[in-house]
Amino acid sequence: MAQSTLLRARTVCLLSRPAIEDGAVFVRDGLIAEVGKWDDLSARWSGVVVEDLGEVILLPGLVNAHCHLDYTGMAGLISPPARGAFPDWIMSILALKAHWSYTEGRAAIGRERLHDGGGY
């Protein structure tokens, strides 16, 4: 059975056209199937799970691929963030990192280098 969700956001921004105020993104089986105005998509996809994200800007398809190699040493030390608690999660990371010495930070980066085969 197909999993479908309709995401609602204050603004949906796409690279291919102007921002959509009171926008929506229809997701089917983990893939973006349609993007448009909330009124249009909610009428077309009534009966599916709706998740109202609130006063946010939604950037469908954008992947934040940056990383912090020194955070590798924190694996398993901090629980994943609860929904809506991203700032608290970041504060946990910063609090843990504040106790690291320079040597501990460099060691965490070194462990990552072992996993990725070397070079930066």
N, C-alpha and C. Protein backbone atom coordinates (compact mmCIF):
# COMPACT_ATOMS: atom_id res chain seq x y z
N MET A 1 0.84 -1.19 0.00
CA MET A 1 0.00 0.00 0.00
C MET A 1 0.88 1.25 0.00
N ALA A 2 0.57 2.21 -0.82
CA ALA A 2 1.37 3.43 -0.95
C ALA A 2 1.23 4.32 0.29
N GLN A 3 2.35 4.85 0.76
CA GLN A 3 2.37 5.82 1.84
C GLN A 3 2.30 7.20 1.21
N SER A 4 1.32 8.00 1.60
CA SER A 4 1.18 9.34 1.05
C SER A 4 1.01 10.35 2.17
N THR A 5 1.66 11.51 2.00
CA THR A 5 1.58 12.58 2.97
C THR A 5 1.49 13.90 2.23
N LEU A 6 0.69 14.80 2.74
CA LEU A 6 0.61 16.15 2.21
C LEU A 6 1.21 17.09 3.25
N LEU A 7 2.32 17.73 2.89
CA LEU A 7 3.01 18.66 3.78
C LEU A 7 2.56 20.08 3.47
N ARG A 8 2.21 20.82 4.51
CA ARG A 8 1.79 22.21 4.33
C ARG A 8 2.83 23.11 4.99
N ALA A 9 3.17 24.21 4.32
CA ALA A 9 4.15 25.15 4.87
C ALA A 9 3.76 26.57 4.51
N ARG A 10 4.20 27.51 5.31
CA ARG A 10 3.92 28.93 5.06
C ARG A 10 4.41 29.33 3.67
N THR A 11 5.62 28.84 3.31
CA THR A 11 6.20 29.13 2.01
C THR A 11 6.90 27.90 1.50
N VAL A 12 6.68 27.56 0.24
CA VAL A 12 7.41 26.47 -0.42
C VAL A 12 8.27 27.12 -1.50
N CYS A 13 9.57 26.89 -1.42
CA CYS A 13 10.50 27.49 -2.38
C CYS A 13 11.07 26.41 -3.30
N LEU A 14 10.99 26.68 -4.58
CA LEU A 14 11.54 25.79 -5.59
C LEU A 14 12.60 26.54 -6.38
N LEU A 15 13.52 25.84 -6.98
CA LEU A 15 14.52 26.49 -7.81
C LEU A 15 13.96 26.87 -9.17
N SER A 16 12.91 26.19 -9.58
CA SER A 16 12.40 26.33 -10.95
C SER A 16 11.29 27.37 -11.13
N ARG A 17 10.77 27.94 -10.05
CA ARG A 17 9.69 28.92 -10.17
C ARG A 17 9.59 29.75 -8.90
N PRO A 18 8.80 30.81 -8.91
CA PRO A 18 8.69 31.66 -7.71
C PRO A 18 8.17 30.90 -6.50
N ALA A 19 8.47 31.44 -5.32
CA ALA A 19 8.00 30.84 -4.06
C ALA A 19 6.48 30.76 -4.04
N ILE A 20 5.97 29.75 -3.36
CA ILE A 20 4.53 29.53 -3.24
C ILE A 20 4.14 29.80 -1.80
N GLU A 21 3.36 30.88 -1.59
CA GLU A 21 2.85 31.19 -0.26
C GLU A 21 1.70 30.24 0.05
N ASP A 22 1.62 29.79 1.31
CA ASP A 22 0.64 28.79 1.74
C ASP A 22 0.71 27.61 0.77
N GLY A 23 1.90 27.02 0.71
CA GLY A 23 2.15 25.95 -0.24
C GLY A 23 2.02 24.56 0.35
N ALA A 24 2.12 23.59 -0.52
CA ALA A 24 2.01 22.19 -0.10
C ALA A 24 2.89 21.33 -0.99
N VAL A 25 3.33 20.22 -0.42
CA VAL A 25 4.12 19.23 -1.15
C VAL A 25 3.47 17.88 -0.91
N PHE A 26 3.08 17.21 -1.97
CA PHE A 26 2.50 15.87 -1.87
C PHE A 26 3.61 14.85 -2.06
N VAL A 27 3.77 13.98 -1.06
CA VAL A 27 4.82 12.97 -1.07
C VAL A 27 4.18 11.60 -1.10
N ARG A 28 4.61 10.78 -2.07
CA ARG A 28 4.09 9.42 -2.20
C ARG A 28 5.28 8.47 -2.20
N ASP A 29 5.24 7.50 -1.28
CA ASP A 29 6.32 6.51 -1.15
C ASP A 29 7.70 7.15 -1.05
N GLY A 30 7.77 8.26 -0.30
CA GLY A 30 9.04 8.92 -0.05
C GLY A 30 9.54 9.81 -1.18
N LEU A 31 8.75 9.97 -2.23
CA LEU A 31 9.16 10.80 -3.36
C LEU A 31 8.20 11.97 -3.54
N ILE A 32 8.72 13.12 -3.92
CA ILE A 32 7.89 14.29 -4.18
C ILE A 32 7.09 14.02 -5.46
N ALA A 33 5.77 14.02 -5.32
CA ALA A 33 4.91 13.75 -6.47
C ALA A 33 4.31 15.03 -7.05
N GLU A 34 4.07 16.04 -6.20
CA GLU A 34 3.44 17.27 -6.68
C GLU A 34 3.71 18.40 -5.69
N VAL A 35 3.84 19.61 -6.22
CA VAL A 35 4.04 20.81 -5.41
C VAL A 35 3.08 21.87 -5.91
N GLY A 36 2.45 22.60 -5.00
CA GLY A 36 1.53 23.66 -5.41
C GLY A 36 0.94 24.40 -4.24
N LYS A 37 -0.13 25.14 -4.51
CA LYS A 37 -0.85 25.88 -3.47
C LYS A 37 -1.59 24.88 -2.58
N TRP A 38 -1.67 25.22 -1.29
CA TRP A 38 -2.35 24.37 -0.32
C TRP A 38 -3.80 24.11 -0.74
N ASP A 39 -4.52 25.15 -1.13
CA ASP A 39 -5.94 24.98 -1.49
C ASP A 39 -6.11 23.96 -2.63
N ASP A 40 -5.23 24.02 -3.61
CA ASP A 40 -5.33 23.12 -4.76
C ASP A 40 -5.00 21.67 -4.38
N LEU A 41 -3.86 21.49 -3.71
CA LEU A 41 -3.43 20.13 -3.39
C LEU A 41 -4.29 19.48 -2.31
N SER A 42 -4.76 20.26 -1.34
CA SER A 42 -5.59 19.67 -0.28
C SER A 42 -6.94 19.21 -0.85
N ALA A 43 -7.45 19.90 -1.86
CA ALA A 43 -8.70 19.48 -2.51
C ALA A 43 -8.47 18.22 -3.32
N ARG A 44 -7.34 18.16 -4.03
CA ARG A 44 -7.04 17.02 -4.89
C ARG A 44 -6.68 15.77 -4.08
N TRP A 45 -6.00 15.94 -2.95
CA TRP A 45 -5.52 14.79 -2.19
C TRP A 45 -6.20 14.68 -0.83
N SER A 46 -7.50 14.87 -0.78
CA SER A 46 -8.24 14.73 0.48
C SER A 46 -8.16 13.27 0.94
N GLY A 47 -8.10 13.10 2.24
CA GLY A 47 -8.05 11.75 2.79
C GLY A 47 -6.66 11.23 3.07
N VAL A 48 -5.61 11.94 2.64
CA VAL A 48 -4.25 11.49 2.95
C VAL A 48 -3.79 12.13 4.25
N VAL A 49 -2.73 11.62 4.81
CA VAL A 49 -2.16 12.17 6.03
C VAL A 49 -1.66 13.59 5.73
N VAL A 50 -2.05 14.55 6.58
CA VAL A 50 -1.62 15.93 6.42
C VAL A 50 -0.69 16.28 7.58
N GLU A 51 0.43 16.89 7.25
CA GLU A 51 1.36 17.36 8.27
C GLU A 51 1.56 18.86 8.03
N ASP A 52 1.01 19.67 8.91
CA ASP A 52 1.15 21.12 8.81
C ASP A 52 2.43 21.52 9.52
N LEU A 53 3.41 21.98 8.76
CA LEU A 53 4.72 22.32 9.31
C LEU A 53 4.74 23.71 9.94
N GLY A 54 3.67 24.47 9.76
CA GLY A 54 3.57 25.78 10.40
C GLY A 54 4.28 26.88 9.64
N GLU A 55 4.79 27.82 10.38
CA GLU A 55 5.41 29.03 9.81
C GLU A 55 6.86 28.75 9.41
N VAL A 56 7.04 27.91 8.41
CA VAL A 56 8.38 27.55 7.94
C VAL A 56 8.48 27.75 6.43
N ILE A 57 9.72 27.76 5.97
CA ILE A 57 9.98 27.73 4.53
C ILE A 57 10.41 26.31 4.21
N LEU A 58 9.71 25.67 3.32
CA LEU A 58 10.00 24.30 2.92
C LEU A 58 10.73 24.32 1.58
N LEU A 59 11.85 23.64 1.52
CA LEU A 59 12.67 23.58 0.31
C LEU A 59 12.69 22.14 -0.19
N PRO A 60 11.63 21.69 -0.86
CA PRO A 60 11.57 20.28 -1.26
C PRO A 60 12.71 19.91 -2.21
N GLY A 61 13.31 18.79 -1.90
CA GLY A 61 14.38 18.28 -2.75
C GLY A 61 15.75 18.80 -2.40
N LEU A 62 15.85 19.84 -1.56
CA LEU A 62 17.15 20.39 -1.18
C LEU A 62 17.76 19.52 -0.09
N VAL A 63 18.97 19.10 -0.30
CA VAL A 63 19.68 18.27 0.67
C VAL A 63 20.82 19.09 1.26
N ASN A 64 20.86 19.18 2.56
CA ASN A 64 21.94 19.87 3.25
C ASN A 64 23.06 18.85 3.43
N ALA A 65 24.04 18.91 2.56
CA ALA A 65 25.08 17.87 2.54
C ALA A 65 26.38 18.28 3.22
N HIS A 66 26.37 19.37 3.95
CA HIS A 66 27.61 19.74 4.62
C HIS A 66 27.81 18.85 5.84
N CYS A 67 29.02 18.78 6.32
CA CYS A 67 29.28 17.93 7.49
C CYS A 67 30.33 18.58 8.38
N HIS A 68 30.42 18.07 9.59
CA HIS A 68 31.41 18.50 10.56
C HIS A 68 32.17 17.24 10.96
N LEU A 69 33.35 17.06 10.43
CA LEU A 69 34.10 15.83 10.68
C LEU A 69 34.37 15.62 12.17
N ASP A 70 34.56 16.71 12.90
CA ASP A 70 34.85 16.55 14.33
C ASP A 70 33.65 15.99 15.09
N TYR A 71 32.44 16.11 14.54
CA TYR A 71 31.26 15.57 15.22
C TYR A 71 31.20 14.04 15.13
N THR A 72 32.04 13.45 14.29
CA THR A 72 32.07 11.99 14.17
C THR A 72 32.32 11.35 15.53
N GLY A 73 33.15 11.97 16.35
CA GLY A 73 33.45 11.44 17.67
C GLY A 73 32.28 11.47 18.63
N MET A 74 31.19 12.11 18.25
CA MET A 74 30.01 12.19 19.10
C MET A 74 28.98 11.10 18.80
N ALA A 75 29.27 10.26 17.83
CA ALA A 75 28.31 9.21 17.44
C ALA A 75 27.88 8.41 18.66
N GLY A 76 26.59 8.33 18.88
CA GLY A 76 26.03 7.56 19.98
C GLY A 76 25.99 8.29 21.32
N LEU A 77 26.52 9.49 21.40
CA LEU A 77 26.56 10.23 22.66
C LEU A 77 25.37 11.16 22.85
N ILE A 78 24.71 11.53 21.75
CA ILE A 78 23.58 12.45 21.82
C ILE A 78 22.41 11.81 21.08
N SER A 79 21.24 11.84 21.70
CA SER A 79 20.05 11.27 21.07
C SER A 79 19.62 12.13 19.89
N PRO A 80 18.99 11.52 18.88
CA PRO A 80 18.46 12.31 17.76
C PRO A 80 17.46 13.33 18.28
N PRO A 81 17.31 14.45 17.58
CA PRO A 81 16.38 15.48 18.06
C PRO A 81 14.93 15.04 17.96
N ALA A 82 14.14 15.45 18.94
CA ALA A 82 12.69 15.25 18.86
C ALA A 82 12.15 16.23 17.83
N ARG A 83 11.00 15.94 17.31
CA ARG A 83 10.40 16.84 16.31
C ARG A 83 10.29 18.25 16.87
N GLY A 84 10.80 19.20 16.13
CA GLY A 84 10.73 20.60 16.54
C GLY A 84 11.79 21.01 17.54
N ALA A 85 12.69 20.10 17.90
CA ALA A 85 13.69 20.40 18.92
C ALA A 85 15.09 20.54 18.35
N PHE A 86 15.20 20.91 17.10
CA PHE A 86 16.52 21.03 16.47
C PHE A 86 17.44 21.99 17.22
N PRO A 87 16.96 23.18 17.64
CA PRO A 87 17.85 24.08 18.39
C PRO A 87 18.40 23.44 19.67
N ASP A 88 17.57 22.68 20.38
CA ASP A 88 18.02 22.00 21.60
C ASP A 88 19.09 20.96 21.28
N TRP A 89 18.91 20.26 20.17
CA TRP A 89 19.88 19.25 19.75
C TRP A 89 21.22 19.90 19.43
N ILE A 90 21.19 21.02 18.71
CA ILE A 90 22.42 21.74 18.40
C ILE A 90 23.10 22.21 19.68
N MET A 91 22.34 22.70 20.64
CA MET A 91 22.92 23.14 21.91
C MET A 91 23.59 21.98 22.64
N SER A 92 23.01 20.77 22.54
CA SER A 92 23.63 19.59 23.15
C SER A 92 24.98 19.29 22.50
N ILE A 93 25.03 19.41 21.18
CA ILE A 93 26.29 19.18 20.46
C ILE A 93 27.33 20.20 20.90
N LEU A 94 26.93 21.47 20.93
CA LEU A 94 27.88 22.52 21.31
C LEU A 94 28.36 22.37 22.75
N ALA A 95 27.46 21.95 23.64
CA ALA A 95 27.84 21.76 25.04
C ALA A 95 28.86 20.62 25.17
N LEU A 96 28.64 19.54 24.45
CA LEU A 96 29.58 18.42 24.48
C LEU A 96 30.93 18.84 23.90
N LYS A 97 30.89 19.54 22.78
CA LYS A 97 32.12 19.96 22.12
C LYS A 97 32.92 20.95 22.97
N ALA A 98 32.23 21.75 23.77
CA ALA A 98 32.90 22.75 24.61
C ALA A 98 33.87 22.11 25.60
N HIS A 99 33.64 20.84 25.93
CA HIS A 99 34.49 20.15 26.89
C HIS A 99 35.66 19.43 26.23
N TRP A 100 35.72 19.44 24.92
CA TRP A 100 36.80 18.76 24.21
C TRP A 100 38.05 19.63 24.18
N SER A 101 39.17 18.98 24.27
CA SER A 101 40.43 19.68 24.04
C SER A 101 40.70 19.70 22.54
N TYR A 102 41.66 20.47 22.14
CA TYR A 102 42.05 20.50 20.73
C TYR A 102 42.44 19.10 20.27
N THR A 103 43.17 18.39 21.09
CA THR A 103 43.62 17.03 20.74
C THR A 103 42.44 16.09 20.54
N GLU A 104 41.42 16.19 21.39
CA GLU A 104 40.23 15.33 21.24
C GLU A 104 39.48 15.65 19.94
N GLY A 105 39.38 16.93 19.60
CA GLY A 105 38.73 17.31 18.35
C GLY A 105 39.48 16.79 17.14
N ARG A 106 40.79 16.90 17.16
CA ARG A 106 41.61 16.39 16.05
C ARG A 106 41.51 14.87 15.97
N ALA A 107 41.42 14.20 17.10
CA ALA A 107 41.30 12.73 17.10
C ALA A 107 39.97 12.30 16.45
N ALA A 108 38.91 13.05 16.71
CA ALA A 108 37.62 12.73 16.10
C ALA A 108 37.70 12.86 14.58
N ILE A 109 38.35 13.89 14.10
CA ILE A 109 38.53 14.07 12.66
C ILE A 109 39.36 12.93 12.09
N GLY A 110 40.39 12.54 12.80
CA GLY A 110 41.25 11.44 12.37
C GLY A 110 40.49 10.13 12.24
N ARG A 111 39.55 9.87 13.15
CA ARG A 111 38.74 8.65 13.04
C ARG A 111 37.93 8.65 11.77
N GLU A 112 37.40 9.81 11.37
CA GLU A 112 36.63 9.91 10.13
C GLU A 112 37.52 9.60 8.94
N ARG A 113 38.74 10.09 8.97
CA ARG A 113 39.66 9.86 7.85
C ARG A 113 39.91 8.36 7.67
N LEU A 114 39.93 7.61 8.76
CA LEU A 114 40.13 6.16 8.65
C LEU A 114 38.96 5.51 7.93
N HIS A 115 37.74 6.02 8.17
CA HIS A 115 36.55 5.42 7.56
C HIS A 115 36.39 5.75 6.09
N ASP A 116 36.84 6.95 5.68
CA ASP A 116 36.60 7.35 4.30
C ASP A 116 37.78 7.10 3.39
N GLY A 117 38.79 6.42 3.87
CA GLY A 117 39.92 6.05 3.03
C GLY A 117 41.01 7.11 2.94
N GLY A 118 40.96 8.10 3.77
CA GLY A 118 42.04 9.09 3.77
C GLY A 118 41.57 10.44 3.35
N GLY A 119 42.23 11.05 2.44
CA GLY A 119 42.16 12.43 2.01
C GLY A 119 40.93 13.26 2.30
N TYR A 120 41.15 14.53 2.30
CA TYR A 120 40.06 15.50 2.47
C TYR A 120 39.74 16.14 1.16
